[in-house]
Amino acid sequence: MKQLTLLFCLFLAQVQAQTGISVSPPRVYFDSSPGSSGTQKITITNVSDKNSLDLAVSLGDWEYDFKGENMMYPANTLQHSCASWLSVKNEDTYFTLEPGQRKELDVTLTPPMAQDSLAAHTAILYVSQMNPVDDVDSKGTNIKVSVRSGIKVFHKAPEADSRKIEIEDLKFSQAAHAFTLKFQNQSKIWVDGKVITEILNTQTGKKTDVDTLVFYTLPGNPRQLTIPLGKTLEKGNYTASVLIDYGDASTMEMAELNFTYE
C-alpha cells in the first residue's frame, strides 16, 4: 500500500490517531522590563496509551491575517519577534515521554537591555514529535503520523496597558445571511475580546440575539469579522447593534446599522 507521512500542527494538541500530546497552557504571557528575566511553566503530556514520543523543542514567529487566522514564520523573521529572547534548559530541548507520562518545561524570557521601541512582542514555541508512528487512514492507506503543538508566547513592557479598538465599517448582506464587521486594534499591545450583536425589528420591537464571537488581535491589526445571522428574520426594517467588549471597564466600541430584510 502507498504510505504517507502526516504532520498535525496544533495549538491545543488533540488528534484522533494513536498518538497525541497535550500542552497546557496554550498561551504564556510575560510582563517584564529590559534585562529582567521571567520563567513560565508548560506541562506536556503524552496522551497516547501505547506509543512513546520523542519530542523536540524549537521556536518560530507568528501573526494574524486580517481574518484572524494564524500565519507561521521562521524564528526572528517578524519585527515584533521575541524568539531570540526565549530559552529552555539544554536537557529539555529533546526528551522522551512514555505513554501517559508528563513533563514540566521551564520557559525563560529575557528582554535585552537594548531593544526596539515596540511595547509588545510575540513568538511561538513548538513541541514536535520526532518519531512518527504507524496508522491507517479512513481509506485503508498506511500512514505515518506525528504531531506538533505550538504554544504562543506574548511579552509586553510593564507600563504598556492602554487598549483601544476602533470600528471602521459594518455592512449586512442578505445573500450571505451575515454581517461584515471591520475594526482595528489601535493599541500598542495585543487586545482580545468578544463581539456582541443584537438585532431589533423597529416595527414590532422584537429582538433577535446573535451568537457572541471571540476575537484576538496584535498591535495595529486590521480585522474583518463575519457575523453569521444564524436565523431567518421576518420581513421588515431592523437596527443591528454591534458591541465590542475588549476588557476595558470604562470603554467599549459600538456601531449600529439600519437595514431592511426582504
Protein backbone atom coordinates (compact mmCIF):
# COMPACT_ATOMS: atom_id res chain seq x y z
CA MET A 1 0.00 0.00 0.00
CA LYS A 2 1.01 3.58 -0.53
CA GLN A 3 2.48 5.18 2.61
CA LEU A 4 2.09 8.82 3.56
CA THR A 5 3.58 10.92 6.32
CA LEU A 6 1.21 13.37 8.02
CA LEU A 7 2.12 16.18 10.42
CA PHE A 8 -0.60 17.59 12.66
CA CYS A 9 0.28 21.12 13.83
CA LEU A 10 -1.94 22.14 16.71
CA PHE A 11 -2.25 24.86 19.35
CA LEU A 12 -4.28 22.58 21.58
CA ALA A 13 -2.82 19.22 20.63
CA GLN A 14 -5.57 16.66 20.21
CA VAL A 15 -5.72 14.14 17.38
CA GLN A 16 -7.86 11.14 16.60
CA ALA A 17 -4.92 8.91 15.74
CA GLN A 18 -2.92 6.62 18.03
CA THR A 19 -0.59 9.40 19.07
CA GLY A 20 -1.08 12.79 20.67
CA ILE A 21 0.31 15.38 23.04
CA SER A 22 -1.48 17.75 25.36
CA VAL A 23 0.12 21.10 26.17
CA SER A 24 -1.06 23.41 28.94
CA PRO A 25 -1.38 26.34 28.87
CA PRO A 26 -1.58 27.04 25.12
CA ARG A 27 -0.50 30.66 25.72
CA VAL A 28 2.06 32.15 28.10
CA TYR A 29 2.41 35.82 29.00
CA PHE A 30 5.47 37.73 30.18
CA ASP A 31 5.43 41.24 31.61
CA SER A 32 8.98 42.45 32.24
CA SER A 33 11.45 45.28 31.73
CA PRO A 34 14.65 45.08 29.64
CA GLY A 35 17.19 42.75 31.23
CA SER A 36 14.69 41.28 33.68
CA SER A 37 14.11 37.54 33.21
CA GLY A 38 10.84 35.71 33.79
CA THR A 39 10.02 32.00 33.71
CA GLN A 40 6.74 30.24 32.92
CA LYS A 41 5.98 26.54 33.26
CA ILE A 42 4.42 24.49 30.47
CA THR A 43 3.08 20.98 31.11
CA ILE A 44 3.47 18.49 28.25
CA THR A 45 1.60 15.17 28.41
CA ASN A 46 1.81 12.12 26.18
CA VAL A 47 -1.87 11.19 25.87
CA SER A 48 -1.13 8.03 23.87
CA ASP A 49 -1.94 4.75 25.54
CA LYS A 50 0.81 2.73 23.86
CA ASN A 51 3.29 4.97 21.97
CA SER A 52 6.33 6.64 23.48
CA LEU A 53 7.08 10.06 21.99
CA ASP A 54 10.47 11.56 21.18
CA LEU A 55 9.90 15.30 21.42
CA ALA A 56 11.97 18.31 20.38
CA VAL A 57 11.53 21.97 21.30
CA SER A 58 12.02 24.72 18.72
CA LEU A 59 10.99 28.35 18.17
CA GLY A 60 9.21 30.33 15.48
CA ASP A 61 7.25 33.50 14.77
CA TRP A 62 3.56 34.06 14.09
CA GLU A 63 1.00 36.72 13.39
CA TYR A 64 -2.68 37.01 12.43
CA ASP A 65 -4.00 37.73 8.97
CA PHE A 66 -6.92 40.15 8.53
CA LYS A 67 -9.44 37.38 9.24
CA GLY A 68 -7.68 36.32 12.45
CA GLU A 69 -6.08 33.17 11.02
CA ASN A 70 -2.62 32.18 12.27
CA MET A 71 0.32 32.79 9.94
CA MET A 72 3.58 30.98 10.77
CA TYR A 73 7.15 32.09 10.02
CA PRO A 74 10.71 31.04 10.90
CA ALA A 75 12.07 32.39 14.18
CA ASN A 76 13.25 36.02 14.21
CA THR A 77 11.52 36.79 10.91
CA LEU A 78 8.98 39.37 12.14
CA GLN A 79 9.74 42.78 13.56
CA HIS A 80 7.84 42.01 16.75
CA SER A 81 9.59 38.66 17.32
CA CYS A 82 10.89 37.76 20.77
CA ALA A 83 12.05 34.28 19.75
CA SER A 84 15.70 35.15 20.42
CA TRP A 85 14.77 36.17 23.98
CA LEU A 86 13.46 32.69 24.85
CA SER A 87 15.36 29.74 26.26
CA VAL A 88 14.82 26.33 27.85
CA LYS A 89 17.26 24.12 29.72
CA ASN A 90 19.62 22.13 27.50
CA GLU A 91 18.20 18.83 28.74
CA ASP A 92 14.68 19.99 27.76
CA THR A 93 15.37 20.67 24.09
CA TYR A 94 14.94 16.95 23.30
CA PHE A 95 13.26 14.39 25.56
CA THR A 96 11.12 11.25 25.55
CA LEU A 97 7.71 10.75 27.16
CA GLU A 98 6.30 7.28 27.78
CA PRO A 99 2.53 6.68 27.37
CA GLY A 100 0.66 8.78 29.93
CA GLN A 101 3.86 10.49 31.14
CA ARG A 102 4.03 14.24 31.61
CA LYS A 103 6.83 16.76 31.91
CA GLU A 104 7.06 20.36 33.12
CA LEU A 105 9.05 22.62 30.86
CA ASP A 106 10.55 25.88 32.18
CA VAL A 107 10.45 28.60 29.51
CA THR A 108 12.52 31.68 30.31
CA LEU A 109 12.26 35.04 28.56
CA THR A 110 14.93 37.73 28.97
CA PRO A 111 14.36 41.01 27.10
CA PRO A 112 17.65 42.60 26.02
CA MET A 113 18.78 45.86 27.57
CA ALA A 114 18.86 47.46 24.12
CA GLN A 115 15.74 46.70 22.12
CA ASP A 116 13.35 48.26 19.63
CA SER A 117 10.62 50.73 20.51
CA LEU A 118 7.76 48.21 20.32
CA ALA A 119 5.77 47.71 23.51
CA ALA A 120 4.74 44.13 22.69
CA HIS A 121 6.48 41.12 21.15
CA THR A 122 5.45 37.56 20.34
CA ALA A 123 6.92 34.18 19.40
CA ILE A 124 5.82 30.57 19.27
CA LEU A 125 7.39 27.58 21.00
CA TYR A 126 6.91 24.28 19.18
CA VAL A 127 6.92 20.83 20.76
CA SER A 128 7.36 18.40 17.86
CA GLN A 129 7.19 14.62 17.71
CA MET A 130 10.32 13.23 16.08
CA ASN A 131 9.30 9.54 15.84
CA PRO A 132 6.24 9.18 13.56
CA VAL A 133 4.00 6.21 14.38
CA ASP A 134 2.16 3.87 12.02
CA ASP A 135 -1.56 4.35 11.45
CA VAL A 136 -4.20 3.77 8.78
CA ASP A 137 -6.49 6.44 7.36
CA SER A 138 -10.20 6.10 6.58
CA LYS A 139 -9.40 4.68 3.12
CA GLY A 140 -7.09 1.98 4.46
CA THR A 141 -3.89 3.70 3.39
CA ASN A 142 -0.86 3.17 5.61
CA ILE A 143 0.31 6.49 7.03
CA LYS A 144 2.93 7.84 9.39
CA VAL A 145 1.51 10.24 11.96
CA SER A 146 3.39 12.80 14.00
CA VAL A 147 2.16 15.83 15.92
CA ARG A 148 3.44 19.31 16.64
CA SER A 149 1.94 21.63 19.22
CA GLY A 150 2.53 25.37 19.30
CA ILE A 151 2.49 27.48 22.46
CA LYS A 152 2.02 31.18 21.77
CA VAL A 153 4.33 33.49 23.71
CA PHE A 154 3.41 37.10 24.48
CA HIS A 155 5.64 39.75 26.06
CA LYS A 156 4.90 43.36 26.89
CA ALA A 157 6.55 46.16 28.81
CA PRO A 158 5.04 46.64 32.32
CA GLU A 159 3.87 50.18 31.58
CA ALA A 160 2.05 49.22 28.35
CA ASP A 161 -1.58 48.64 29.33
CA SER A 162 -3.70 51.03 27.27
CA ARG A 163 -6.13 49.31 24.88
CA LYS A 164 -8.10 50.81 22.00
CA ILE A 165 -10.30 49.18 19.35
CA GLU A 166 -11.97 51.26 16.63
CA ILE A 167 -14.78 50.08 14.35
CA GLU A 168 -14.27 51.12 10.74
CA ASP A 169 -17.23 49.57 8.89
CA LEU A 170 -20.35 47.45 9.38
CA LYS A 171 -22.37 46.00 6.50
CA PHE A 172 -25.17 43.46 6.07
CA SER A 173 -25.58 41.03 3.17
CA GLN A 174 -28.91 39.23 2.93
CA ALA A 175 -27.44 36.94 0.27
CA ALA A 176 -24.65 35.88 2.65
CA HIS A 177 -27.03 35.96 5.63
CA ALA A 178 -24.31 37.70 7.62
CA PHE A 179 -22.81 40.98 8.76
CA THR A 180 -19.27 42.04 7.90
CA LEU A 181 -17.52 43.99 10.64
CA LYS A 182 -14.22 45.77 10.10
CA PHE A 183 -12.23 47.12 13.02
CA GLN A 184 -8.66 47.83 14.03
CA ASN A 185 -6.51 47.35 17.11
CA GLN A 186 -5.04 50.82 17.64
CA SER A 187 -3.21 49.78 20.81
CA LYS A 188 0.48 49.15 21.33
CA ILE A 189 -0.29 45.72 22.81
CA TRP A 190 -2.47 42.73 21.92
CA VAL A 191 -6.20 43.03 22.52
CA ASP A 192 -8.63 40.12 22.93
CA GLY A 193 -12.34 40.42 23.35
CA LYS A 194 -15.81 39.49 22.19
CA VAL A 195 -18.31 40.85 19.70
CA ILE A 196 -21.92 41.01 20.90
CA THR A 197 -24.66 41.56 18.32
CA GLU A 198 -28.34 42.31 18.83
CA ILE A 199 -30.96 42.88 16.14
CA LEU A 200 -34.13 44.92 16.73
CA ASN A 201 -37.18 44.90 14.48
CA THR A 202 -38.04 48.60 14.54
CA GLN A 203 -41.66 47.90 13.56
CA THR A 204 -42.54 45.20 16.11
CA GLY A 205 -39.91 45.75 18.80
CA LYS A 206 -38.87 42.09 18.60
CA LYS A 207 -35.22 41.46 19.48
CA THR A 208 -33.03 38.79 17.93
CA ASP A 209 -29.77 37.74 19.58
CA VAL A 210 -26.81 36.56 17.53
CA ASP A 211 -24.08 34.23 18.79
CA THR A 212 -21.25 36.09 20.54
CA LEU A 213 -17.91 35.84 18.74
CA VAL A 214 -14.43 35.90 20.27
CA PHE A 215 -11.52 37.69 18.60
CA TYR A 216 -7.76 38.08 19.10
CA THR A 217 -5.57 40.85 17.70
CA LEU A 218 -1.99 42.06 17.82
CA PRO A 219 -0.95 45.75 17.81
CA GLY A 220 -2.05 47.55 14.67
CA ASN A 221 -4.03 44.60 13.31
CA PRO A 222 -6.90 45.39 10.94
CA ARG A 223 -9.61 42.77 11.24
CA GLN A 224 -12.55 41.68 9.12
CA LEU A 225 -15.03 39.55 11.02
CA THR A 226 -18.03 37.72 9.58
CA ILE A 227 -21.02 37.64 11.93
CA PRO A 228 -23.50 34.96 10.78
CA LEU A 229 -27.14 35.91 11.27
CA GLY A 230 -27.94 32.36 12.30
CA LYS A 231 -31.68 32.50 11.60
CA THR A 232 -34.16 33.85 9.07
CA LEU A 233 -35.77 37.14 10.00
CA GLU A 234 -39.29 38.30 9.29
CA LYS A 235 -39.56 40.84 6.50
CA GLY A 236 -39.19 44.34 7.88
CA ASN A 237 -36.89 47.13 8.99
CA TYR A 238 -34.17 46.43 11.51
CA THR A 239 -31.40 48.02 13.52
CA ALA A 240 -28.32 45.94 14.29
CA SER A 241 -26.25 46.93 17.31
CA VAL A 242 -22.71 45.56 17.47
CA LEU A 243 -20.72 45.95 20.69
CA ILE A 244 -17.03 45.14 21.03
CA ASP A 245 -16.07 44.33 24.62
CA TYR A 246 -12.29 44.19 24.97
CA GLY A 247 -11.81 44.17 28.70
CA ASP A 248 -11.76 47.89 29.42
CA ALA A 249 -14.44 48.56 32.02
CA SER A 250 -14.76 52.21 31.02
CA THR A 251 -14.61 51.89 27.22
CA MET A 252 -16.46 49.75 24.69
CA GLU A 253 -16.77 50.21 20.94
CA MET A 254 -20.24 50.18 19.40
CA ALA A 255 -21.77 50.54 15.93
CA GLU A 256 -25.34 50.50 14.66
CA LEU A 257 -26.67 49.64 11.22
CA ASN A 258 -30.17 50.17 9.84
CA PHE A 259 -31.19 47.65 7.18
CA THR A 260 -34.21 46.12 5.51
CA TYR A 261 -34.80 42.37 5.40
CA GLU A 262 -36.88 41.37 2.38
